Amino acid sequence: MDIASAAAALKELGHQTRLAIYKELVRAGPGGLPVGDLQKSIQIPASTLSHHLSALISVGLIRQERQGRTLFCHPRYEQLEELMAFLIDECCAGKHEE
């Protein structure tokens, strides 16, 4: 992951509502959640949820999948893992022994 991608993902997760949405999806597991259930859980209007989901999709943190008439949101754990690896990749690399 490059610094621009990491910054974009962190920017989107830096919003309180988007972070709550993402945490709810991570808590739900790989099966994700139907959008309607997510809306009820977060308690925000559908149009607001749609806006926040679009932001998270745009940086690759979640994906959507239609199953029949139901739209599911799934966390993309591989993107989260890449972001975490980016943040800790050079842990202590600049530390100088004295």
PDB file of N, CA and C in Angstrom:
ATOM      1  N   MET A   1       0.849  -1.171   0.000  1.00  0.00           N
ATOM      2  CA  MET A   1       0.000   0.000   0.000  1.00  0.00           C
ATOM      3  C   MET A   1       0.891   1.230   0.000  1.00  0.00           C
ATOM      4  N   ASP A   2       0.548   2.184  -0.845  1.00  0.00           N
ATOM      5  CA  ASP A   2       1.326   3.417  -0.895  1.00  0.00           C
ATOM      6  C   ASP A   2       0.748   4.447   0.069  1.00  0.00           C
ATOM      7  N   ILE A   3       1.495   5.506   0.279  1.00  0.00           N
ATOM      8  CA  ILE A   3       1.099   6.506   1.275  1.00  0.00           C
ATOM      9  C   ILE A   3      -0.204   7.214   0.900  1.00  0.00           C
ATOM     10  N   ALA A   4      -0.442   7.433  -0.393  1.00  0.00           N
ATOM     11  CA  ALA A   4      -1.678   8.092  -0.823  1.00  0.00           C
ATOM     12  C   ALA A   4      -2.900   7.213  -0.526  1.00  0.00           C
ATOM     13  N   SER A   5      -2.798   5.922  -0.781  1.00  0.00           N
ATOM     14  CA  SER A   5      -3.900   4.994  -0.508  1.00  0.00           C
ATOM     15  C   SER A   5      -4.158   4.885   0.992  1.00  0.00           C
ATOM     16  N   ALA A   6      -3.080   4.821   1.764  1.00  0.00           N
ATOM     17  CA  ALA A   6      -3.227   4.743   3.219  1.00  0.00           C
ATOM     18  C   ALA A   6      -3.873   6.015   3.760  1.00  0.00           C
ATOM     19  N   ALA A   7      -3.447   7.153   3.266  1.00  0.00           N
ATOM     20  CA  ALA A   7      -4.019   8.423   3.723  1.00  0.00           C
ATOM     21  C   ALA A   7      -5.502   8.516   3.374  1.00  0.00           C
ATOM     22  N   ALA A   8      -5.871   8.066   2.193  1.00  0.00           N
ATOM     23  CA  ALA A   8      -7.277   8.109   1.777  1.00  0.00           C
ATOM     24  C   ALA A   8      -8.132   7.202   2.669  1.00  0.00           C
ATOM     25  N   ALA A   9      -7.651   5.993   2.950  1.00  0.00           N
ATOM     26  CA  ALA A   9      -8.396   5.065   3.807  1.00  0.00           C
ATOM     27  C   ALA A   9      -8.534   5.627   5.220  1.00  0.00           C
ATOM     28  N   LEU A  10      -7.449   6.170   5.745  1.00  0.00           N
ATOM     29  CA  LEU A  10      -7.495   6.737   7.092  1.00  0.00           C
ATOM     30  C   LEU A  10      -8.411   7.958   7.151  1.00  0.00           C
ATOM     31  N   LYS A  11      -8.426   8.738   6.073  1.00  0.00           N
ATOM     32  CA  LYS A  11      -9.312   9.904   6.016  1.00  0.00           C
ATOM     33  C   LYS A  11     -10.766   9.461   6.122  1.00  0.00           C
ATOM     34  N   GLU A  12     -11.133   8.435   5.379  1.00  0.00           N
ATOM     35  CA  GLU A  12     -12.517   7.968   5.413  1.00  0.00           C
ATOM     36  C   GLU A  12     -12.856   7.352   6.763  1.00  0.00           C
ATOM     37  N   LEU A  13     -11.945   6.629   7.349  1.00  0.00           N
ATOM     38  CA  LEU A  13     -12.191   6.040   8.669  1.00  0.00           C
ATOM     39  C   LEU A  13     -12.144   7.085   9.779  1.00  0.00           C
ATOM     40  N   GLY A  14     -11.616   8.255   9.466  1.00  0.00           N
ATOM     41  CA  GLY A  14     -11.530   9.337  10.438  1.00  0.00           C
ATOM     42  C   GLY A  14     -12.861  10.021  10.697  1.00  0.00           C
ATOM     43  N   HIS A  15     -13.879   9.675   9.948  1.00  0.00           N
ATOM     44  CA  HIS A  15     -15.209  10.235  10.157  1.00  0.00           C
ATOM     45  C   HIS A  15     -15.962   9.324  11.126  1.00  0.00           C
ATOM     46  N   GLN A  16     -16.573   9.890  12.151  1.00  0.00           N
ATOM     47  CA  GLN A  16     -17.212   9.114  13.213  1.00  0.00           C
ATOM     48  C   GLN A  16     -18.261   8.131  12.687  1.00  0.00           C
ATOM     49  N   THR A  17     -19.106   8.565  11.773  1.00  0.00           N
ATOM     50  CA  THR A  17     -20.155   7.677  11.253  1.00  0.00           C
ATOM     51  C   THR A  17     -19.568   6.560  10.406  1.00  0.00           C
ATOM     52  N   ARG A  18     -18.591   6.895   9.554  1.00  0.00           N
ATOM     53  CA  ARG A  18     -17.978   5.863   8.719  1.00  0.00           C
ATOM     54  C   ARG A  18     -17.224   4.842   9.569  1.00  0.00           C
ATOM     55  N   LEU A  19     -16.589   5.303  10.605  1.00  0.00           N
ATOM     56  CA  LEU A  19     -15.893   4.378  11.499  1.00  0.00           C
ATOM     57  C   LEU A  19     -16.899   3.453  12.193  1.00  0.00           C
ATOM     58  N   ALA A  20     -18.032   3.995  12.604  1.00  0.00           N
ATOM     59  CA  ALA A  20     -19.077   3.171  13.229  1.00  0.00           C
ATOM     60  C   ALA A  20     -19.612   2.135  12.245  1.00  0.00           C
ATOM     61  N   ILE A  21     -19.820   2.535  11.005  1.00  0.00           N
ATOM     62  CA  ILE A  21     -20.279   1.608   9.963  1.00  0.00           C
ATOM     63  C   ILE A  21     -19.255   0.501   9.762  1.00  0.00           C
ATOM     64  N   TYR A  22     -17.999   0.890   9.625  1.00  0.00           N
ATOM     65  CA  TYR A  22     -16.943  -0.094   9.380  1.00  0.00           C
ATOM     66  C   TYR A  22     -16.814  -1.066  10.552  1.00  0.00           C
ATOM     67  N   LYS A  23     -16.849  -0.541  11.769  1.00  0.00           N
ATOM     68  CA  LYS A  23     -16.763  -1.416  12.940  1.00  0.00           C
ATOM     69  C   LYS A  23     -17.928  -2.391  12.984  1.00  0.00           C
ATOM     70  N   GLU A  24     -19.121  -1.923  12.628  1.00  0.00           N
ATOM     71  CA  GLU A  24     -20.297  -2.793  12.613  1.00  0.00           C
ATOM     72  C   GLU A  24     -20.120  -3.921  11.593  1.00  0.00           C
ATOM     73  N   LEU A  25     -19.568  -3.584  10.432  1.00  0.00           N
ATOM     74  CA  LEU A  25     -19.347  -4.604   9.409  1.00  0.00           C
ATOM     75  C   LEU A  25     -18.259  -5.594   9.816  1.00  0.00           C
ATOM     76  N   VAL A  26     -17.201  -5.107  10.431  1.00  0.00           N
ATOM     77  CA  VAL A  26     -16.138  -5.996  10.903  1.00  0.00           C
ATOM     78  C   VAL A  26     -16.691  -6.920  11.988  1.00  0.00           C
ATOM     79  N   ARG A  27     -17.514  -6.362  12.862  1.00  0.00           N
ATOM     80  CA  ARG A  27     -18.125  -7.157  13.926  1.00  0.00           C
ATOM     81  C   ARG A  27     -19.020  -8.254  13.342  1.00  0.00           C
ATOM     82  N   ALA A  28     -19.688  -7.953  12.230  1.00  0.00           N
ATOM     83  CA  ALA A  28     -20.599  -8.917  11.598  1.00  0.00           C
ATOM     84  C   ALA A  28     -19.849 -10.093  10.978  1.00  0.00           C
ATOM     85  N   GLY A  29     -18.606  -9.890  10.607  1.00  0.00           N
ATOM     86  CA  GLY A  29     -17.818 -10.964  10.021  1.00  0.00           C
ATOM     87  C   GLY A  29     -17.857 -10.974   8.504  1.00  0.00           C
ATOM     88  N   PRO A  30     -17.241 -11.981   7.894  1.00  0.00           N
ATOM     89  CA  PRO A  30     -17.108 -12.036   6.436  1.00  0.00           C
ATOM     90  C   PRO A  30     -18.435 -12.060   5.686  1.00  0.00           C
ATOM     91  N   GLY A  31     -19.492 -12.550   6.322  1.00  0.00           N
ATOM     92  CA  GLY A  31     -20.803 -12.589   5.677  1.00  0.00           C
ATOM     93  C   GLY A  31     -21.420 -11.229   5.486  1.00  0.00           C
ATOM     94  N   GLY A  32     -20.898 -10.234   6.187  1.00  0.00           N
ATOM     95  CA  GLY A  32     -21.394  -8.880   6.058  1.00  0.00           C
ATOM     96  C   GLY A  32     -22.793  -8.710   6.616  1.00  0.00           C
ATOM     97  N   LEU A  33     -23.422  -7.609   6.217  1.00  0.00           N
ATOM     98  CA  LEU A  33     -24.763  -7.279   6.671  1.00  0.00           C
ATOM     99  C   LEU A  33     -25.594  -6.734   5.524  1.00  0.00           C
ATOM    100  N   PRO A  34     -26.891  -7.011   5.529  1.00  0.00           N
ATOM    101  CA  PRO A  34     -27.757  -6.325   4.577  1.00  0.00           C
ATOM    102  C   PRO A  34     -27.773  -4.826   4.895  1.00  0.00           C
ATOM    103  N   VAL A  35     -27.883  -4.016   3.872  1.00  0.00           N
ATOM    104  CA  VAL A  35     -27.875  -2.569   4.060  1.00  0.00           C
ATOM    105  C   VAL A  35     -28.971  -2.137   5.038  1.00  0.00           C
ATOM    106  N   GLY A  36     -30.151  -2.736   4.938  1.00  0.00           N
ATOM    107  CA  GLY A  36     -31.246  -2.383   5.841  1.00  0.00           C
ATOM    108  C   GLY A  36     -30.921  -2.649   7.296  1.00  0.00           C
ATOM    109  N   ASP A  37     -30.276  -3.774   7.567  1.00  0.00           N
ATOM    110  CA  ASP A  37     -29.871  -4.094   8.937  1.00  0.00           C
ATOM    111  C   ASP A  37     -28.806  -3.126   9.434  1.00  0.00           C
ATOM    112  N   LEU A  38     -27.889  -2.780   8.558  1.00  0.00           N
ATOM    113  CA  LEU A  38     -26.845  -1.827   8.901  1.00  0.00           C
ATOM    114  C   LEU A  38     -27.456  -0.472   9.232  1.00  0.00           C
ATOM    115  N   GLN A  39     -28.425  -0.055   8.441  1.00  0.00           N
ATOM    116  CA  GLN A  39     -29.095   1.222   8.673  1.00  0.00           C
ATOM    117  C   GLN A  39     -29.790   1.230  10.039  1.00  0.00           C
ATOM    118  N   LYS A  40     -30.468   0.152  10.367  1.00  0.00           N
ATOM    119  CA  LYS A  40     -31.146   0.057  11.661  1.00  0.00           C
ATOM    120  C   LYS A  40     -30.149   0.091  12.810  1.00  0.00           C
ATOM    121  N   SER A  41     -29.044  -0.588  12.638  1.00  0.00           N
ATOM    122  CA  SER A  41     -28.033  -0.663  13.687  1.00  0.00           C
ATOM    123  C   SER A  41     -27.374   0.699  13.936  1.00  0.00           C
ATOM    124  N   ILE A  42     -27.039   1.388  12.860  1.00  0.00           N
ATOM    125  CA  ILE A  42     -26.349   2.679  12.973  1.00  0.00           C
ATOM    126  C   ILE A  42     -27.349   3.807  13.241  1.00  0.00           C
ATOM    127  N   GLN A  43     -28.593   3.611  12.848  1.00  0.00           N
ATOM    128  CA  GLN A  43     -29.673   4.579  13.053  1.00  0.00           C
ATOM    129  C   GLN A  43     -29.431   5.903  12.349  1.00  0.00           C
ATOM    130  N   ILE A  44     -29.216   5.799  11.019  1.00  0.00           N
ATOM    131  CA  ILE A  44     -29.091   6.997  10.196  1.00  0.00           C
ATOM    132  C   ILE A  44     -29.996   6.824   8.975  1.00  0.00           C
ATOM    133  N   PRO A  45     -30.391   7.935   8.350  1.00  0.00           N
ATOM    134  CA  PRO A  45     -31.236   7.841   7.155  1.00  0.00           C
ATOM    135  C   PRO A  45     -30.546   7.077   6.029  1.00  0.00           C
ATOM    136  N   ALA A  46     -31.348   6.443   5.177  1.00  0.00           N
ATOM    137  CA  ALA A  46     -30.813   5.637   4.073  1.00  0.00           C
ATOM    138  C   ALA A  46     -29.907   6.457   3.161  1.00  0.00           C
ATOM    139  N   SER A  47     -30.283   7.686   2.859  1.00  0.00           N
ATOM    140  CA  SER A  47     -29.464   8.504   1.957  1.00  0.00           C
ATOM    141  C   SER A  47     -28.120   8.836   2.591  1.00  0.00           C
ATOM    142  N   THR A  48     -28.114   9.060   3.879  1.00  0.00           N
ATOM    143  CA  THR A  48     -26.859   9.334   4.595  1.00  0.00           C
ATOM    144  C   THR A  48     -25.979   8.093   4.612  1.00  0.00           C
ATOM    145  N   LEU A  49     -26.581   6.945   4.878  1.00  0.00           N
ATOM    146  CA  LEU A  49     -25.834   5.684   4.870  1.00  0.00           C
ATOM    147  C   LEU A  49     -25.226   5.443   3.499  1.00  0.00           C
ATOM    148  N   SER A  50     -25.998   5.668   2.467  1.00  0.00           N
ATOM    149  CA  SER A  50     -25.513   5.470   1.097  1.00  0.00           C
ATOM    150  C   SER A  50     -24.280   6.329   0.819  1.00  0.00           C
ATOM    151  N   HIS A  51     -24.322   7.566   1.256  1.00  0.00           N
ATOM    152  CA  HIS A  51     -23.180   8.484   1.080  1.00  0.00           C
ATOM    153  C   HIS A  51     -21.931   7.934   1.774  1.00  0.00           C
ATOM    154  N   HIS A  52     -22.095   7.490   3.006  1.00  0.00           N
ATOM    155  CA  HIS A  52     -20.947   6.980   3.766  1.00  0.00           C
ATOM    156  C   HIS A  52     -20.439   5.655   3.202  1.00  0.00           C
ATOM    157  N   LEU A  53     -21.351   4.797   2.750  1.00  0.00           N
ATOM    158  CA  LEU A  53     -20.930   3.539   2.132  1.00  0.00           C
ATOM    159  C   LEU A  53     -20.123   3.807   0.869  1.00  0.00           C
ATOM    160  N   SER A  54     -20.554   4.776   0.070  1.00  0.00           N
ATOM    161  CA  SER A  54     -19.822   5.122  -1.157  1.00  0.00           C
ATOM    162  C   SER A  54     -18.396   5.541  -0.844  1.00  0.00           C
ATOM    163  N   ALA A  55     -18.234   6.304   0.226  1.00  0.00           N
ATOM    164  CA  ALA A  55     -16.890   6.743   0.612  1.00  0.00           C
ATOM    165  C   ALA A  55     -16.015   5.555   1.000  1.00  0.00           C
ATOM    166  N   LEU A  56     -16.565   4.616   1.744  1.00  0.00           N
ATOM    167  CA  LEU A  56     -15.793   3.438   2.164  1.00  0.00           C
ATOM    168  C   LEU A  56     -15.504   2.507   0.991  1.00  0.00           C
ATOM    169  N   ILE A  57     -16.440   2.408   0.059  1.00  0.00           N
ATOM    170  CA  ILE A  57     -16.222   1.601  -1.140  1.00  0.00           C
ATOM    171  C   ILE A  57     -15.123   2.217  -1.995  1.00  0.00           C
ATOM    172  N   SER A  58     -15.114   3.543  -2.093  1.00  0.00           N
ATOM    173  CA  SER A  58     -14.155   4.233  -2.966  1.00  0.00           C
ATOM    174  C   SER A  58     -12.703   3.994  -2.560  1.00  0.00           C
ATOM    175  N   VAL A  59     -12.463   3.712  -1.289  1.00  0.00           N
ATOM    176  CA  VAL A  59     -11.095   3.436  -0.838  1.00  0.00           C
ATOM    177  C   VAL A  59     -10.861   1.947  -0.623  1.00  0.00           C
ATOM    178  N   GLY A  60     -11.828   1.128  -1.012  1.00  0.00           N
ATOM    179  CA  GLY A  60     -11.649  -0.321  -0.982  1.00  0.00           C
ATOM    180  C   GLY A  60     -11.813  -0.990   0.359  1.00  0.00           C
ATOM    181  N   LEU A  61     -12.376  -0.295   1.344  1.00  0.00           N
ATOM    182  CA  LEU A  61     -12.518  -0.905   2.662  1.00  0.00           C
ATOM    183  C   LEU A  61     -13.736  -1.819   2.765  1.00  0.00           C
ATOM    184  N   ILE A  62     -14.725  -1.593   1.925  1.00  0.00           N
ATOM    185  CA  ILE A  62     -15.880  -2.485   1.902  1.00  0.00           C
ATOM    186  C   ILE A  62     -16.263  -2.772   0.454  1.00  0.00           C
ATOM    187  N   ARG A  63     -17.078  -3.805   0.289  1.00  0.00           N
ATOM    188  CA  ARG A  63     -17.638  -4.121  -1.027  1.00  0.00           C
ATOM    189  C   ARG A  63     -19.104  -4.440  -0.833  1.00  0.00           C
ATOM    190  N   GLN A  64     -19.852  -4.305  -1.907  1.00  0.00           N
ATOM    191  CA  GLN A  64     -21.272  -4.635  -1.855  1.00  0.00           C
ATOM    192  C   GLN A  64     -21.556  -5.785  -2.805  1.00  0.00           C
ATOM    193  N   GLU A  65     -22.564  -6.574  -2.442  1.00  0.00           N
ATOM    194  CA  GLU A  65     -22.952  -7.722  -3.245  1.00  0.00           C
ATOM    195  C   GLU A  65     -24.468  -7.876  -3.153  1.00  0.00           C
ATOM    196  N   ARG A  66     -25.085  -8.020  -4.296  1.00  0.00           N
ATOM    197  CA  ARG A  66     -26.525  -8.226  -4.319  1.00  0.00           C
ATOM    198  C   ARG A  66     -26.812  -9.724  -4.257  1.00  0.00           C
ATOM    199  N   GLN A  67     -27.668 -10.103  -3.329  1.00  0.00           N
ATOM    200  CA  GLN A  67     -28.131 -11.486  -3.197  1.00  0.00           C
ATOM    201  C   GLN A  67     -29.652 -11.441  -3.308  1.00  0.00           C
ATOM    202  N   GLY A  68     -30.141 -11.747  -4.500  1.00  0.00           N
ATOM    203  CA  GLY A  68     -31.579 -11.617  -4.748  1.00  0.00           C
ATOM    204  C   GLY A  68     -31.966 -10.157  -4.706  1.00  0.00           C
ATOM    205  N   ARG A  69     -32.875  -9.824  -3.827  1.00  0.00           N
ATOM    206  CA  ARG A  69     -33.325  -8.434  -3.700  1.00  0.00           C
ATOM    207  C   ARG A  69     -32.596  -7.683  -2.604  1.00  0.00           C
ATOM    208  N   THR A  70     -31.672  -8.347  -1.930  1.00  0.00           N
ATOM    209  CA  THR A  70     -30.984  -7.753  -0.783  1.00  0.00           C
ATOM    210  C   THR A  70     -29.559  -7.360  -1.150  1.00  0.00           C
ATOM    211  N   LEU A  71     -29.179  -6.147  -0.771  1.00  0.00           N
ATOM    212  CA  LEU A  71     -27.823  -5.653  -0.989  1.00  0.00           C
ATOM    213  C   LEU A  71     -27.037  -5.819   0.306  1.00  0.00           C
ATOM    214  N   PHE A  72     -25.958  -6.586   0.243  1.00  0.00           N
ATOM    215  CA  PHE A  72     -25.105  -6.829   1.403  1.00  0.00           C
ATOM    216  C   PHE A  72     -23.843  -5.984   1.318  1.00  0.00           C
ATOM    217  N   CYS A  73     -23.364  -5.567   2.470  1.00  0.00           N
ATOM    218  CA  CYS A  73     -22.072  -4.895   2.582  1.00  0.00           C
ATOM    219  C   CYS A  73     -21.127  -5.826   3.322  1.00  0.00           C
ATOM    220  N   HIS A  74     -19.919  -5.959   2.796  1.00  0.00           N
ATOM    221  CA  HIS A  74     -18.909  -6.838   3.382  1.00  0.00           C
ATOM    222  C   HIS A  74     -17.640  -6.034   3.644  1.00  0.00           C
ATOM    223  N   PRO A  75     -17.019  -6.242   4.789  1.00  0.00           N
ATOM    224  CA  PRO A  75     -15.718  -5.605   5.010  1.00  0.00           C
ATOM    225  C   PRO A  75     -14.664  -6.304   4.154  1.00  0.00           C
ATOM    226  N   ARG A  76     -13.736  -5.558   3.644  1.00  0.00           N
ATOM    227  CA  ARG A  76     -12.631  -6.151   2.877  1.00  0.00           C
ATOM    228  C   ARG A  76     -11.428  -6.228   3.813  1.00  0.00           C
ATOM    229  N   TYR A  77     -11.329  -7.364   4.477  1.00  0.00           N
ATOM    230  CA  TYR A  77     -10.290  -7.546   5.484  1.00  0.00           C
ATOM    231  C   TYR A  77      -8.890  -7.405   4.909  1.00  0.00           C
ATOM    232  N   GLU A  78      -8.709  -7.802   3.642  1.00  0.00           N
ATOM    233  CA  GLU A  78      -7.374  -7.692   3.050  1.00  0.00           C
ATOM    234  C   GLU A  78      -6.916  -6.242   2.974  1.00  0.00           C
ATOM    235  N   GLN A  79      -7.852  -5.313   2.742  1.00  0.00           N
ATOM    236  CA  GLN A  79      -7.494  -3.889   2.715  1.00  0.00           C
ATOM    237  C   GLN A  79      -7.138  -3.404   4.116  1.00  0.00           C
ATOM    238  N   LEU A  80      -7.889  -3.865   5.104  1.00  0.00           N
ATOM    239  CA  LEU A  80      -7.583  -3.500   6.488  1.00  0.00           C
ATOM    240  C   LEU A  80      -6.207  -4.034   6.880  1.00  0.00           C
ATOM    241  N   GLU A  81      -5.924  -5.266   6.491  1.00  0.00           N
ATOM    242  CA  GLU A  81      -4.616  -5.847   6.799  1.00  0.00           C
ATOM    243  C   GLU A  81      -3.490  -5.067   6.129  1.00  0.00           C
ATOM    244  N   GLU A  82      -3.705  -4.651   4.876  1.00  0.00           N
ATOM    245  CA  GLU A  82      -2.691  -3.847   4.187  1.00  0.00           C
ATOM    246  C   GLU A  82      -2.478  -2.509   4.878  1.00  0.00           C
ATOM    247  N   LEU A  83      -3.568  -1.894   5.310  1.00  0.00           N
ATOM    248  CA  LEU A  83      -3.459  -0.610   6.005  1.00  0.00           C
ATOM    249  C   LEU A  83      -2.700  -0.775   7.316  1.00  0.00           C
ATOM    250  N   MET A  84      -3.026  -1.809   8.072  1.00  0.00           N
ATOM    251  CA  MET A  84      -2.332  -2.040   9.334  1.00  0.00           C
ATOM    252  C   MET A  84      -0.853  -2.350   9.093  1.00  0.00           C
ATOM    253  N   ALA A  85      -0.564  -3.149   8.073  1.00  0.00           N
ATOM    254  CA  ALA A  85       0.831  -3.464   7.748  1.00  0.00           C
ATOM    255  C   ALA A  85       1.588  -2.196   7.357  1.00  0.00           C
ATOM    256  N   PHE A  86       0.938  -1.331   6.600  1.00  0.00           N
ATOM    257  CA  PHE A  86       1.558  -0.068   6.208  1.00  0.00           C
ATOM    258  C   PHE A  86       1.938   0.749   7.440  1.00  0.00           C
ATOM    259  N   LEU A  87       1.040   0.780   8.417  1.00  0.00           N
ATOM    260  CA  LEU A  87       1.268   1.597   9.607  1.00  0.00           C
ATOM    261  C   LEU A  87       2.380   1.048  10.490  1.00  0.00           C
ATOM    262  N   ILE A  88       2.537  -0.268  10.536  1.00  0.00           N
ATOM    263  CA  ILE A  88       3.546  -0.838  11.441  1.00  0.00           C
ATOM    264  C   ILE A  88       4.769  -1.392  10.709  1.00  0.00           C
ATOM    265  N   ASP A  89       4.789  -1.286   9.402  1.00  0.00           N
ATOM    266  CA  ASP A  89       5.848  -1.878   8.582  1.00  0.00           C
ATOM    267  C   ASP A  89       7.247  -1.472   9.009  1.00  0.00           C
ATOM    268  N   GLU A  90       7.416  -0.236   9.322  1.00  0.00           N
ATOM    269  CA  GLU A  90       8.757   0.235   9.655  1.00  0.00           C
ATOM    270  C   GLU A  90       8.897   0.549  11.127  1.00  0.00           C
ATOM    271  N   CYS A  91       8.154  -0.173  11.928  1.00  0.00           N
ATOM    272  CA  CYS A  91       8.196   0.045  13.371  1.00  0.00           C
ATOM    273  C   CYS A  91       9.639  -0.057  13.878  1.00  0.00           C
ATOM    274  N   CYS A  92      10.071   0.968  14.512  1.00  0.00           N
ATOM    275  CA  CYS A  92      11.395   1.035  15.151  1.00  0.00           C
ATOM    276  C   CYS A  92      12.549   1.028  14.154  1.00  0.00           C
ATOM    277  N   ALA A  93      12.281   1.173  12.853  1.00  0.00           N
ATOM    278  CA  ALA A  93      13.347   1.135  11.853  1.00  0.00           C
ATOM    279  C   ALA A  93      14.266   2.348  11.969  1.00  0.00           C
ATOM    280  N   GLY A  94      13.753   3.433  12.479  1.00  0.00           N
ATOM    281  CA  GLY A  94      14.565   4.639  12.610  1.00  0.00           C
ATOM    282  C   GLY A  94      15.204   4.813  13.979  1.00  0.00           C
ATOM    283  N   LYS A  95      15.001   3.815  14.833  1.00  0.00           N
ATOM    284  CA  LYS A  95      15.524   3.905  16.193  1.00  0.00           C
ATOM    285  C   LYS A  95      17.044   3.720  16.168  1.00  0.00           C
ATOM    286  N   HIS A  96      17.709   4.631  16.852  1.00  0.00           N
ATOM    287  CA  HIS A  96      19.179   4.579  16.920  1.00  0.00           C
ATOM    288  C   HIS A  96      19.595   4.056  18.277  1.00  0.00           C
ATOM    289  N   GLU A  97      20.483   3.082  18.255  1.00  0.00           N
ATOM    290  CA  GLU A  97      21.028   2.543  19.509  1.00  0.00           C
ATOM    291  C   GLU A  97      22.013   3.546  20.091  1.00  0.00           C
ATOM    292  N   GLU A  98      21.984   3.695  21.387  1.00  0.00           N
ATOM    293  CA  GLU A  98      22.938   4.621  22.032  1.00  0.00           C
ATOM    294  C   GLU A  98      23.858   3.863  22.936  1.00  0.00           C
TER     295      GLU A  98
END
